[in-house]
N, C-alpha and C. Protein backbone atom coordinates (compact mmCIF):
# COMPACT_ATOMS: atom_id res chain seq x y z
N MET A 1 -153.54 -30.80 -215.14
CA MET A 1 -152.87 -31.94 -214.56
C MET A 1 -151.39 -31.94 -214.90
N MET A 2 -151.04 -31.48 -216.08
CA MET A 2 -149.63 -31.40 -216.47
C MET A 2 -148.84 -30.51 -215.52
N ARG A 3 -149.50 -29.44 -215.05
CA ARG A 3 -148.80 -28.54 -214.15
C ARG A 3 -148.38 -29.26 -212.88
N ASN A 4 -149.25 -30.06 -212.31
CA ASN A 4 -148.90 -30.79 -211.09
C ASN A 4 -147.74 -31.74 -211.34
N THR A 5 -147.75 -32.42 -212.49
CA THR A 5 -146.65 -33.33 -212.82
C THR A 5 -145.36 -32.54 -212.99
N ASP A 6 -145.43 -31.43 -213.71
CA ASP A 6 -144.24 -30.59 -213.88
C ASP A 6 -143.76 -30.05 -212.54
N GLU A 7 -144.70 -29.60 -211.73
CA GLU A 7 -144.33 -29.06 -210.41
C GLU A 7 -143.73 -30.16 -209.54
N ASN A 8 -144.34 -31.37 -209.59
CA ASN A 8 -143.80 -32.49 -208.81
C ASN A 8 -142.41 -32.85 -209.29
N SER A 9 -142.23 -32.82 -210.60
CA SER A 9 -140.92 -33.14 -211.18
C SER A 9 -139.88 -32.11 -210.75
N LYS A 10 -140.27 -30.83 -210.80
CA LYS A 10 -139.36 -29.76 -210.38
C LYS A 10 -139.03 -29.88 -208.90
N ALA A 11 -140.02 -30.21 -208.09
CA ALA A 11 -139.80 -30.38 -206.66
C ALA A 11 -138.86 -31.56 -206.40
N ALA A 12 -139.05 -32.64 -207.15
CA ALA A 12 -138.18 -33.82 -206.99
C ALA A 12 -136.75 -33.48 -207.41
N ASP A 13 -136.61 -32.72 -208.52
CA ASP A 13 -135.28 -32.29 -208.96
C ASP A 13 -134.61 -31.43 -207.91
N ALA A 14 -135.36 -30.49 -207.34
CA ALA A 14 -134.81 -29.61 -206.31
C ALA A 14 -134.38 -30.41 -205.09
N ALA A 15 -135.19 -31.39 -204.70
CA ALA A 15 -134.84 -32.24 -203.55
C ALA A 15 -133.58 -33.03 -203.82
N ARG A 16 -133.45 -33.57 -205.05
CA ARG A 16 -132.24 -34.32 -205.43
C ARG A 16 -131.01 -33.42 -205.38
N LYS A 17 -131.14 -32.22 -205.93
CA LYS A 17 -130.01 -31.28 -205.93
C LYS A 17 -129.60 -30.91 -204.51
N ALA A 18 -130.57 -30.67 -203.64
CA ALA A 18 -130.28 -30.35 -202.24
C ALA A 18 -129.57 -31.52 -201.57
N SER A 19 -130.03 -32.73 -201.85
CA SER A 19 -129.41 -33.93 -201.29
C SER A 19 -127.98 -34.09 -201.80
N ASP A 20 -127.80 -33.87 -203.11
CA ASP A 20 -126.46 -33.96 -203.69
C ASP A 20 -125.53 -32.94 -203.05
N THR A 21 -126.02 -31.72 -202.87
CA THR A 21 -125.20 -30.66 -202.27
C THR A 21 -124.83 -31.03 -200.85
N ALA A 22 -125.79 -31.54 -200.09
CA ALA A 22 -125.51 -31.93 -198.70
C ALA A 22 -124.48 -33.04 -198.65
N SER A 23 -124.57 -34.02 -199.55
CA SER A 23 -123.60 -35.11 -199.53
C SER A 23 -122.22 -34.65 -199.99
N LYS A 24 -122.18 -33.64 -200.83
CA LYS A 24 -120.89 -33.12 -201.30
C LYS A 24 -120.23 -32.23 -200.25
N ALA A 25 -121.03 -31.68 -199.33
CA ALA A 25 -120.48 -30.78 -198.32
C ALA A 25 -119.47 -31.50 -197.44
N SER A 26 -119.67 -32.78 -197.21
CA SER A 26 -118.75 -33.56 -196.40
C SER A 26 -118.74 -34.98 -196.94
N GLU A 27 -117.66 -35.32 -197.63
CA GLU A 27 -117.56 -36.63 -198.25
C GLU A 27 -116.38 -37.39 -197.66
N ASN A 28 -116.59 -38.64 -197.27
CA ASN A 28 -115.54 -39.46 -196.67
C ASN A 28 -115.32 -40.71 -197.50
N SER A 29 -114.09 -41.18 -197.51
CA SER A 29 -113.80 -42.49 -198.06
C SER A 29 -112.56 -43.05 -197.39
N THR A 30 -112.43 -44.37 -197.47
CA THR A 30 -111.38 -45.07 -196.74
C THR A 30 -110.60 -46.00 -197.65
N LEU A 31 -109.29 -46.05 -197.43
CA LEU A 31 -108.40 -46.97 -198.14
C LEU A 31 -107.67 -47.81 -197.10
N ARG A 32 -107.64 -49.11 -197.33
CA ARG A 32 -106.90 -50.03 -196.46
C ARG A 32 -105.80 -50.67 -197.30
N VAL A 33 -104.56 -50.52 -196.84
CA VAL A 33 -103.42 -51.11 -197.54
C VAL A 33 -102.43 -51.66 -196.52
N MET A 34 -101.58 -52.53 -196.98
CA MET A 34 -100.47 -52.96 -196.13
C MET A 34 -99.48 -51.80 -196.06
N ALA A 35 -98.97 -51.54 -194.88
CA ALA A 35 -98.04 -50.44 -194.67
C ALA A 35 -96.67 -50.85 -195.21
N ALA A 36 -96.50 -50.66 -196.52
CA ALA A 36 -95.26 -51.03 -197.20
C ALA A 36 -94.98 -49.98 -198.28
N ASP A 37 -93.70 -49.72 -198.50
CA ASP A 37 -93.29 -48.69 -199.46
C ASP A 37 -93.96 -48.84 -200.82
N GLU A 38 -94.14 -50.07 -201.26
CA GLU A 38 -94.71 -50.29 -202.60
C GLU A 38 -96.17 -49.82 -202.71
N ASN A 39 -96.81 -49.52 -201.58
CA ASN A 39 -98.20 -49.04 -201.62
C ASN A 39 -98.30 -47.51 -201.50
N LEU A 40 -97.17 -46.85 -201.42
CA LEU A 40 -97.17 -45.39 -201.28
C LEU A 40 -97.90 -44.70 -202.42
N GLN A 41 -97.65 -45.09 -203.66
CA GLN A 41 -98.28 -44.41 -204.79
C GLN A 41 -99.80 -44.58 -204.76
N GLU A 42 -100.27 -45.75 -204.34
CA GLU A 42 -101.71 -45.96 -204.23
C GLU A 42 -102.32 -45.01 -203.19
N VAL A 43 -101.62 -44.80 -202.10
CA VAL A 43 -102.09 -43.89 -201.05
C VAL A 43 -102.12 -42.45 -201.58
N ILE A 44 -101.05 -42.04 -202.24
CA ILE A 44 -100.99 -40.68 -202.79
C ILE A 44 -102.08 -40.46 -203.83
N ASP A 45 -102.28 -41.43 -204.71
CA ASP A 45 -103.33 -41.32 -205.73
C ASP A 45 -104.71 -41.21 -205.08
N PHE A 46 -104.93 -41.97 -204.05
CA PHE A 46 -106.20 -41.93 -203.32
C PHE A 46 -106.47 -40.54 -202.76
N VAL A 47 -105.47 -39.96 -202.12
CA VAL A 47 -105.62 -38.63 -201.52
C VAL A 47 -105.76 -37.57 -202.62
N GLU A 48 -104.94 -37.68 -203.68
CA GLU A 48 -105.00 -36.70 -204.77
C GLU A 48 -106.36 -36.67 -205.46
N GLU A 49 -107.02 -37.81 -205.54
CA GLU A 49 -108.36 -37.85 -206.13
C GLU A 49 -109.30 -36.91 -205.37
N HIS A 50 -109.18 -36.92 -204.06
CA HIS A 50 -110.00 -36.03 -203.23
C HIS A 50 -109.58 -34.57 -203.39
N LEU A 51 -108.28 -34.34 -203.49
CA LEU A 51 -107.80 -32.97 -203.70
C LEU A 51 -108.31 -32.41 -205.02
N GLU A 52 -108.34 -33.25 -206.03
CA GLU A 52 -108.88 -32.83 -207.34
C GLU A 52 -110.37 -32.53 -207.23
N ASN A 53 -111.10 -33.37 -206.51
CA ASN A 53 -112.54 -33.14 -206.30
C ASN A 53 -112.79 -31.77 -205.68
N MET A 54 -111.87 -31.36 -204.82
CA MET A 54 -112.03 -30.09 -204.11
C MET A 54 -111.33 -28.93 -204.82
N GLU A 55 -110.78 -29.22 -206.00
CA GLU A 55 -110.09 -28.21 -206.80
C GLU A 55 -108.99 -27.50 -206.02
N ALA A 56 -108.17 -28.30 -205.33
CA ALA A 56 -107.06 -27.77 -204.54
C ALA A 56 -106.01 -27.17 -205.47
N SER A 57 -105.35 -26.14 -204.99
CA SER A 57 -104.28 -25.52 -205.75
C SER A 57 -103.09 -26.48 -205.86
N MET A 58 -102.21 -26.21 -206.80
CA MET A 58 -101.01 -27.04 -206.96
C MET A 58 -100.16 -26.98 -205.69
N LYS A 59 -100.05 -25.79 -205.10
CA LYS A 59 -99.25 -25.63 -203.88
C LYS A 59 -99.83 -26.49 -202.75
N ALA A 60 -101.14 -26.41 -202.52
CA ALA A 60 -101.77 -27.20 -201.46
C ALA A 60 -101.62 -28.69 -201.74
N THR A 61 -101.77 -29.08 -203.00
CA THR A 61 -101.63 -30.50 -203.38
C THR A 61 -100.22 -30.99 -203.07
N MET A 62 -99.21 -30.20 -203.40
CA MET A 62 -97.82 -30.60 -203.12
C MET A 62 -97.57 -30.69 -201.61
N GLN A 63 -98.10 -29.75 -200.85
CA GLN A 63 -97.93 -29.78 -199.40
C GLN A 63 -98.59 -31.02 -198.78
N VAL A 64 -99.77 -31.34 -199.26
CA VAL A 64 -100.46 -32.54 -198.76
C VAL A 64 -99.71 -33.80 -199.19
N ASP A 65 -99.27 -33.85 -200.46
CA ASP A 65 -98.53 -35.02 -200.95
C ASP A 65 -97.28 -35.29 -200.12
N ILE A 66 -96.52 -34.25 -199.84
CA ILE A 66 -95.29 -34.40 -199.04
C ILE A 66 -95.64 -34.93 -197.65
N SER A 67 -96.69 -34.40 -197.07
CA SER A 67 -97.10 -34.80 -195.73
C SER A 67 -97.59 -36.25 -195.71
N VAL A 68 -98.41 -36.61 -196.69
CA VAL A 68 -98.92 -37.98 -196.78
C VAL A 68 -97.76 -38.96 -196.97
N GLU A 69 -96.83 -38.61 -197.84
CA GLU A 69 -95.68 -39.48 -198.06
C GLU A 69 -94.88 -39.68 -196.77
N GLU A 70 -94.60 -38.61 -196.09
CA GLU A 70 -93.82 -38.68 -194.85
C GLU A 70 -94.51 -39.57 -193.81
N ILE A 71 -95.78 -39.35 -193.61
CA ILE A 71 -96.50 -40.11 -192.59
C ILE A 71 -96.63 -41.58 -192.98
N PHE A 72 -97.01 -41.85 -194.23
CA PHE A 72 -97.18 -43.25 -194.64
C PHE A 72 -95.85 -44.01 -194.60
N VAL A 73 -94.78 -43.40 -195.07
CA VAL A 73 -93.47 -44.06 -195.05
C VAL A 73 -93.03 -44.33 -193.61
N ASN A 74 -93.30 -43.39 -192.71
CA ASN A 74 -92.97 -43.64 -191.30
C ASN A 74 -93.74 -44.83 -190.75
N ILE A 75 -95.02 -44.93 -191.09
CA ILE A 75 -95.81 -46.09 -190.66
C ILE A 75 -95.22 -47.36 -191.25
N ALA A 76 -94.91 -47.32 -192.55
CA ALA A 76 -94.36 -48.49 -193.23
C ALA A 76 -93.03 -48.94 -192.62
N HIS A 77 -92.20 -48.00 -192.24
CA HIS A 77 -90.86 -48.35 -191.75
C HIS A 77 -90.81 -48.68 -190.26
N TYR A 78 -91.69 -48.06 -189.47
CA TYR A 78 -91.52 -48.16 -188.02
C TYR A 78 -92.68 -48.77 -187.24
N ALA A 79 -93.90 -48.65 -187.71
CA ALA A 79 -95.05 -49.07 -186.90
C ALA A 79 -95.04 -50.55 -186.56
N TYR A 80 -94.69 -51.39 -187.53
CA TYR A 80 -94.76 -52.83 -187.33
C TYR A 80 -93.40 -53.51 -187.41
N ALA A 81 -92.34 -52.75 -187.58
CA ALA A 81 -91.01 -53.29 -187.84
C ALA A 81 -90.66 -54.41 -186.86
N PRO A 82 -90.11 -55.49 -187.34
CA PRO A 82 -89.68 -55.78 -188.72
C PRO A 82 -90.78 -56.40 -189.57
N LYS A 83 -91.98 -56.51 -189.04
CA LYS A 83 -93.09 -57.10 -189.79
C LYS A 83 -93.81 -56.02 -190.60
N VAL A 84 -94.90 -56.41 -191.25
CA VAL A 84 -95.75 -55.48 -192.00
C VAL A 84 -97.17 -55.62 -191.48
N GLY A 85 -97.86 -54.51 -191.36
CA GLY A 85 -99.24 -54.52 -190.91
C GLY A 85 -100.08 -53.58 -191.75
N GLU A 86 -101.33 -53.48 -191.40
CA GLU A 86 -102.26 -52.67 -192.18
C GLU A 86 -102.23 -51.19 -191.77
N ALA A 87 -102.40 -50.35 -192.77
CA ALA A 87 -102.60 -48.92 -192.56
C ALA A 87 -103.97 -48.57 -193.15
N VAL A 88 -104.70 -47.77 -192.44
CA VAL A 88 -106.01 -47.31 -192.91
C VAL A 88 -105.92 -45.81 -193.08
N ILE A 89 -106.28 -45.36 -194.27
CA ILE A 89 -106.24 -43.93 -194.57
C ILE A 89 -107.66 -43.50 -194.90
N GLU A 90 -108.15 -42.55 -194.14
CA GLU A 90 -109.49 -42.02 -194.37
C GLU A 90 -109.37 -40.56 -194.78
N VAL A 91 -110.12 -40.18 -195.79
CA VAL A 91 -110.12 -38.80 -196.26
C VAL A 91 -111.51 -38.23 -196.08
N GLU A 92 -111.56 -37.06 -195.48
CA GLU A 92 -112.82 -36.35 -195.29
C GLU A 92 -112.74 -35.02 -196.03
N GLU A 93 -113.61 -34.84 -197.01
CA GLU A 93 -113.71 -33.59 -197.74
C GLU A 93 -114.77 -32.74 -197.07
N ASP A 94 -114.42 -31.52 -196.71
CA ASP A 94 -115.41 -30.61 -196.15
C ASP A 94 -115.44 -29.37 -197.03
N THR A 95 -116.34 -29.37 -198.00
CA THR A 95 -116.40 -28.26 -198.96
C THR A 95 -116.92 -26.99 -198.31
N GLU A 96 -117.75 -27.12 -197.28
CA GLU A 96 -118.25 -25.92 -196.60
C GLU A 96 -117.12 -25.17 -195.92
N LYS A 97 -116.23 -25.88 -195.26
CA LYS A 97 -115.09 -25.26 -194.60
C LYS A 97 -113.92 -25.06 -195.56
N GLY A 98 -113.97 -25.73 -196.72
CA GLY A 98 -112.87 -25.64 -197.67
C GLY A 98 -111.61 -26.30 -197.16
N GLU A 99 -111.77 -27.47 -196.53
CA GLU A 99 -110.60 -28.16 -196.00
C GLU A 99 -110.74 -29.66 -196.20
N ILE A 100 -109.58 -30.30 -196.17
CA ILE A 100 -109.52 -31.75 -196.29
C ILE A 100 -108.81 -32.29 -195.05
N SER A 101 -109.35 -33.38 -194.52
CA SER A 101 -108.74 -34.05 -193.37
C SER A 101 -108.31 -35.43 -193.83
N ILE A 102 -107.13 -35.83 -193.41
CA ILE A 102 -106.61 -37.15 -193.72
C ILE A 102 -106.26 -37.81 -192.40
N ILE A 103 -106.87 -38.97 -192.16
CA ILE A 103 -106.67 -39.69 -190.91
C ILE A 103 -105.92 -40.98 -191.21
N PHE A 104 -104.80 -41.16 -190.53
CA PHE A 104 -103.99 -42.37 -190.66
C PHE A 104 -104.19 -43.21 -189.41
N ARG A 105 -104.48 -44.49 -189.60
CA ARG A 105 -104.65 -45.41 -188.47
C ARG A 105 -103.75 -46.63 -188.67
N ASP A 106 -103.11 -47.04 -187.61
CA ASP A 106 -102.36 -48.30 -187.64
C ASP A 106 -102.40 -48.90 -186.25
N ARG A 107 -102.16 -50.20 -186.20
CA ARG A 107 -102.16 -50.91 -184.92
C ARG A 107 -100.73 -51.30 -184.53
N GLY A 108 -99.77 -50.50 -184.98
CA GLY A 108 -98.37 -50.75 -184.67
C GLY A 108 -97.98 -50.23 -183.31
N ILE A 109 -96.70 -50.08 -183.13
CA ILE A 109 -96.13 -49.59 -181.88
C ILE A 109 -96.69 -48.19 -181.60
N PRO A 110 -97.21 -47.93 -180.39
CA PRO A 110 -97.71 -46.59 -180.09
C PRO A 110 -96.61 -45.54 -180.26
N TYR A 111 -96.90 -44.50 -181.02
CA TYR A 111 -95.92 -43.45 -181.26
C TYR A 111 -96.62 -42.15 -181.62
N ASN A 112 -96.33 -41.10 -180.88
CA ASN A 112 -96.90 -39.79 -181.13
C ASN A 112 -95.85 -38.92 -181.83
N PRO A 113 -95.94 -38.77 -183.15
CA PRO A 113 -94.93 -37.98 -183.87
C PRO A 113 -95.00 -36.49 -183.55
N ILE A 114 -96.14 -36.03 -183.09
CA ILE A 114 -96.28 -34.60 -182.77
C ILE A 114 -95.46 -34.24 -181.53
N ALA A 115 -95.29 -35.19 -180.64
CA ALA A 115 -94.56 -34.94 -179.39
C ALA A 115 -93.06 -34.77 -179.62
N LYS A 116 -92.58 -35.22 -180.77
CA LYS A 116 -91.15 -35.11 -181.06
C LYS A 116 -90.77 -33.65 -181.16
N GLU A 117 -89.69 -33.29 -180.49
CA GLU A 117 -89.21 -31.91 -180.53
C GLU A 117 -88.76 -31.54 -181.94
N ASP A 118 -89.10 -30.33 -182.37
CA ASP A 118 -88.70 -29.86 -183.69
C ASP A 118 -87.17 -29.79 -183.77
N PRO A 119 -86.62 -30.10 -184.94
CA PRO A 119 -85.16 -30.03 -185.09
C PRO A 119 -84.66 -28.59 -184.99
N ASP A 120 -83.44 -28.45 -184.54
CA ASP A 120 -82.81 -27.13 -184.46
C ASP A 120 -82.22 -26.80 -185.82
N LEU A 121 -82.92 -25.96 -186.57
CA LEU A 121 -82.49 -25.64 -187.93
C LEU A 121 -81.34 -24.66 -187.97
N THR A 122 -80.94 -24.14 -186.82
CA THR A 122 -79.77 -23.26 -186.79
C THR A 122 -78.48 -24.06 -186.85
N LEU A 123 -78.56 -25.36 -186.57
CA LEU A 123 -77.39 -26.23 -186.64
C LEU A 123 -77.21 -26.74 -188.06
N SER A 124 -75.99 -27.07 -188.41
CA SER A 124 -75.73 -27.65 -189.73
C SER A 124 -76.29 -29.08 -189.74
N ALA A 125 -76.44 -29.64 -190.92
CA ALA A 125 -76.96 -31.00 -191.06
C ALA A 125 -76.09 -32.00 -190.29
N GLU A 126 -74.79 -31.76 -190.28
CA GLU A 126 -73.87 -32.67 -189.58
C GLU A 126 -74.04 -32.58 -188.07
N GLU A 127 -74.38 -31.39 -187.57
CA GLU A 127 -74.51 -31.19 -186.12
C GLU A 127 -75.89 -31.59 -185.59
N ARG A 128 -76.87 -31.60 -186.48
CA ARG A 128 -78.25 -31.86 -186.08
C ARG A 128 -78.48 -33.34 -185.81
N GLU A 129 -79.34 -33.63 -184.85
CA GLU A 129 -79.72 -35.00 -184.55
C GLU A 129 -80.46 -35.60 -185.75
N ILE A 130 -80.25 -36.87 -186.02
CA ILE A 130 -80.92 -37.53 -187.14
C ILE A 130 -82.39 -37.72 -186.79
N GLY A 131 -83.24 -37.49 -187.77
CA GLY A 131 -84.68 -37.71 -187.60
C GLY A 131 -85.44 -36.45 -187.21
N GLY A 132 -86.73 -36.47 -187.50
CA GLY A 132 -87.59 -35.38 -187.08
C GLY A 132 -87.85 -34.31 -188.12
N LEU A 133 -87.02 -34.26 -189.17
CA LEU A 133 -87.20 -33.22 -190.18
C LEU A 133 -88.47 -33.43 -190.99
N GLY A 134 -88.81 -34.67 -191.28
CA GLY A 134 -90.02 -34.96 -192.06
C GLY A 134 -91.28 -34.56 -191.33
N ILE A 135 -91.40 -34.93 -190.06
CA ILE A 135 -92.58 -34.55 -189.28
C ILE A 135 -92.61 -33.04 -189.08
N PHE A 136 -91.46 -32.41 -188.96
CA PHE A 136 -91.39 -30.96 -188.88
C PHE A 136 -91.99 -30.33 -190.14
N MET A 137 -91.68 -30.89 -191.30
CA MET A 137 -92.26 -30.38 -192.56
C MET A 137 -93.77 -30.57 -192.57
N VAL A 138 -94.25 -31.70 -192.07
CA VAL A 138 -95.69 -31.94 -191.99
C VAL A 138 -96.34 -30.87 -191.12
N LYS A 139 -95.75 -30.62 -189.96
CA LYS A 139 -96.28 -29.59 -189.05
C LYS A 139 -96.36 -28.23 -189.74
N LYS A 140 -95.34 -27.90 -190.51
CA LYS A 140 -95.30 -26.61 -191.19
C LYS A 140 -96.28 -26.54 -192.37
N ASN A 141 -96.51 -27.66 -193.05
CA ASN A 141 -97.37 -27.67 -194.24
C ASN A 141 -98.86 -27.79 -193.93
N MET A 142 -99.20 -28.36 -192.80
CA MET A 142 -100.60 -28.59 -192.46
C MET A 142 -101.11 -27.46 -191.55
N ASP A 143 -102.43 -27.29 -191.56
CA ASP A 143 -103.03 -26.27 -190.71
C ASP A 143 -103.37 -26.80 -189.33
N TYR A 144 -103.48 -28.12 -189.22
CA TYR A 144 -103.84 -28.72 -187.95
C TYR A 144 -103.37 -30.16 -187.94
N MET A 145 -102.89 -30.60 -186.77
CA MET A 145 -102.49 -32.01 -186.58
C MET A 145 -102.95 -32.45 -185.21
N LYS A 146 -103.37 -33.70 -185.14
CA LYS A 146 -103.79 -34.27 -183.86
C LYS A 146 -103.39 -35.74 -183.83
N TYR A 147 -102.88 -36.16 -182.70
CA TYR A 147 -102.55 -37.58 -182.50
C TYR A 147 -103.32 -38.09 -181.30
N GLU A 148 -103.79 -39.33 -181.42
CA GLU A 148 -104.34 -40.03 -180.26
C GLU A 148 -104.06 -41.52 -180.39
N TYR A 149 -103.97 -42.15 -179.25
CA TYR A 149 -103.85 -43.61 -179.22
C TYR A 149 -105.12 -44.12 -178.57
N SER A 150 -105.91 -44.86 -179.32
CA SER A 150 -107.21 -45.30 -178.83
C SER A 150 -107.52 -46.68 -179.37
N ASP A 151 -108.03 -47.53 -178.52
CA ASP A 151 -108.46 -48.88 -178.92
C ASP A 151 -107.34 -49.63 -179.64
N GLY A 152 -106.11 -49.48 -179.15
CA GLY A 152 -104.98 -50.18 -179.74
C GLY A 152 -104.51 -49.62 -181.07
N GLN A 153 -104.91 -48.38 -181.39
CA GLN A 153 -104.55 -47.77 -182.67
C GLN A 153 -103.85 -46.43 -182.50
N ASN A 154 -102.83 -46.22 -183.33
CA ASN A 154 -102.30 -44.87 -183.53
C ASN A 154 -103.25 -44.18 -184.50
N ILE A 155 -103.69 -42.99 -184.16
CA ILE A 155 -104.59 -42.23 -185.03
C ILE A 155 -104.00 -40.83 -185.19
N LEU A 156 -103.53 -40.56 -186.39
CA LEU A 156 -102.94 -39.25 -186.68
C LEU A 156 -103.82 -38.56 -187.71
N THR A 157 -104.29 -37.38 -187.37
CA THR A 157 -105.15 -36.59 -188.25
C THR A 157 -104.38 -35.35 -188.70
N ILE A 158 -104.40 -35.11 -190.00
CA ILE A 158 -103.84 -33.86 -190.54
C ILE A 158 -104.95 -33.15 -191.31
N VAL A 159 -104.95 -31.83 -191.24
CA VAL A 159 -105.98 -31.03 -191.89
C VAL A 159 -105.30 -29.92 -192.69
N LYS A 160 -105.78 -29.72 -193.91
CA LYS A 160 -105.26 -28.65 -194.78
C LYS A 160 -106.42 -27.82 -195.27
N LYS A 161 -106.36 -26.52 -195.04
CA LYS A 161 -107.33 -25.60 -195.63
C LYS A 161 -106.94 -25.40 -197.08
N LEU A 162 -107.93 -25.51 -197.94
CA LEU A 162 -107.67 -25.38 -199.37
C LEU A 162 -108.18 -24.04 -199.82
């Protein structure tokens, strides 16, 4: 009889481990904050927690941090100006693919940052048009970006392979 109990216990342990592995393969969480500069650190900390979970390299972490800062600050400064509104940041960890997706949602003014033409880096800073350098850095640092406007929301997704 002990064997059946031991076998049942081992089977239950194996089932738990399989379930844990499946849940770790793709983990999501969401942060809701007011789109204001003073909440930037909370957003970065939220994303970095996921990067640590996935054991991201320092280089990948810095690239994601720069991108998150650029996007969140743009939402804070322009989406609801001159008012303040909510920003929703969702992080999806995909350990099977080895990538992290960060989705930014706001109900501010519709704006597709991907559509903005990349700055002409052959021009000097004085000759170059103001704006666009931050989103250009995001495009260069991320492996994938997608924008959509749906149900009254700006939805910007960035993906980084770790």
